[in-house]
C-alpha cells in the first residue's frame, strides 16, 4: 500500500490532530479484535484504519457534527 499523502488526510479530517486521533481510536478497536491472530501487527491495524478513513468507512465527528471534506 502506498501511504496516503498528509494533504489528503488533512482534507478529510480538517486537522492533523483530528486525523491522528481518529486513526488511533480505530486502530485500537481493530487491534483488540485481532490480538489473538498469528498475523497480528499493530502497524497493519494503523494502515487499515487509514484506508478506512480514506474510503469513508470511518467518519470524523467534531462537536457531534461530521467533518466534511474540503472542496478544491
Protein backbone atom coordinates (compact mmCIF):
# COMPACT_ATOMS: atom_id res chain seq x y z
CA UNK A 1 0.00 0.00 0.00
CA UNK A 2 1.22 3.46 -0.86
CA UNK A 3 0.77 5.68 2.17
CA UNK A 4 -1.76 8.47 1.67
CA UNK A 5 -0.47 11.99 1.47
CA UNK A 6 -0.75 14.21 4.51
CA UNK A 7 -2.75 16.71 2.45
CA UNK A 8 -5.39 14.08 1.60
CA UNK A 9 -5.78 13.12 5.25
CA UNK A 10 -5.99 16.73 6.47
CA UNK A 11 -8.62 17.46 3.82
CA UNK A 12 -10.71 14.62 5.24
CA UNK A 13 -10.22 15.44 8.91
CA UNK A 14 -9.81 19.18 8.95
CA UNK A 15 -6.62 19.00 11.04
CA UNK A 16 -3.67 16.71 11.69
CA UNK A 17 -4.80 16.25 15.28
CA UNK A 18 -8.28 15.06 14.27
CA UNK A 19 -6.82 12.57 11.80
CA UNK A 20 -4.30 11.18 14.29
CA UNK A 21 -6.95 10.74 16.99
CA UNK A 22 -9.44 9.12 14.60
CA UNK A 23 -6.86 6.70 13.17
CA UNK A 24 -5.53 5.82 16.63
CA UNK A 25 -9.01 5.09 18.01
CA UNK A 26 -9.94 2.95 15.02
CA UNK A 27 -6.60 1.10 15.05
CA UNK A 28 -7.10 0.31 18.74
CA UNK A 29 -10.55 -1.18 18.05
CA UNK A 30 -9.18 -3.23 15.16
CA UNK A 31 -6.24 -4.47 17.24
CA UNK A 32 -8.48 -5.52 20.12
CA UNK A 33 -10.37 -7.78 17.72
CA UNK A 34 -7.23 -9.31 16.20
CA UNK A 35 -4.83 -9.69 19.16
CA UNK A 36 -5.13 -13.49 19.17
CA UNK A 37 -4.38 -13.86 15.45
CA UNK A 38 -0.95 -15.15 14.45
CA UNK A 39 -0.53 -12.43 11.82
CA UNK A 40 -1.27 -9.60 14.25
CA UNK A 41 0.79 -6.45 13.72
CA UNK A 42 -0.12 -3.06 15.10
CA UNK A 43 1.32 -1.32 12.05
CA UNK A 44 -1.11 -3.21 9.82
CA UNK A 45 -4.00 -2.08 12.05
CA UNK A 46 -2.91 1.56 11.61
CA UNK A 47 -2.72 1.07 7.85
CA UNK A 48 -6.20 -0.48 7.81
CA UNK A 49 -7.55 2.42 9.89
CA UNK A 50 -6.07 4.96 7.45
CA UNK A 51 -7.55 3.09 4.49
CA UNK A 52 -10.98 3.08 6.16
CA UNK A 53 -10.71 6.82 6.78
CA UNK A 54 -9.81 7.47 3.15
CA UNK A 55 -12.60 5.19 1.89
CA UNK A 56 -15.17 6.97 4.04
CA UNK A 57 -15.87 3.95 6.23
CA UNK A 58 -14.72 5.94 9.27
CA UNK A 59 -16.16 9.40 9.84
CA UNK A 60 -14.61 12.12 12.00
CA UNK A 61 -17.07 13.96 14.22
CA UNK A 62 -16.40 17.31 15.90
CA UNK A 63 -18.98 18.57 18.36
CA UNK A 64 -21.36 15.90 17.12
CA UNK A 65 -21.15 17.03 13.50
CA UNK A 66 -19.43 15.26 10.62
CA UNK A 67 -16.29 16.97 9.37
CA UNK A 68 -16.85 17.40 5.64
CA UNK A 69 -14.17 17.03 3.01
CA UNK A 70 -12.80 20.34 1.84
CA UNK A 71 -13.71 21.18 -1.72
CA UNK A 72 -10.92 22.23 -4.11
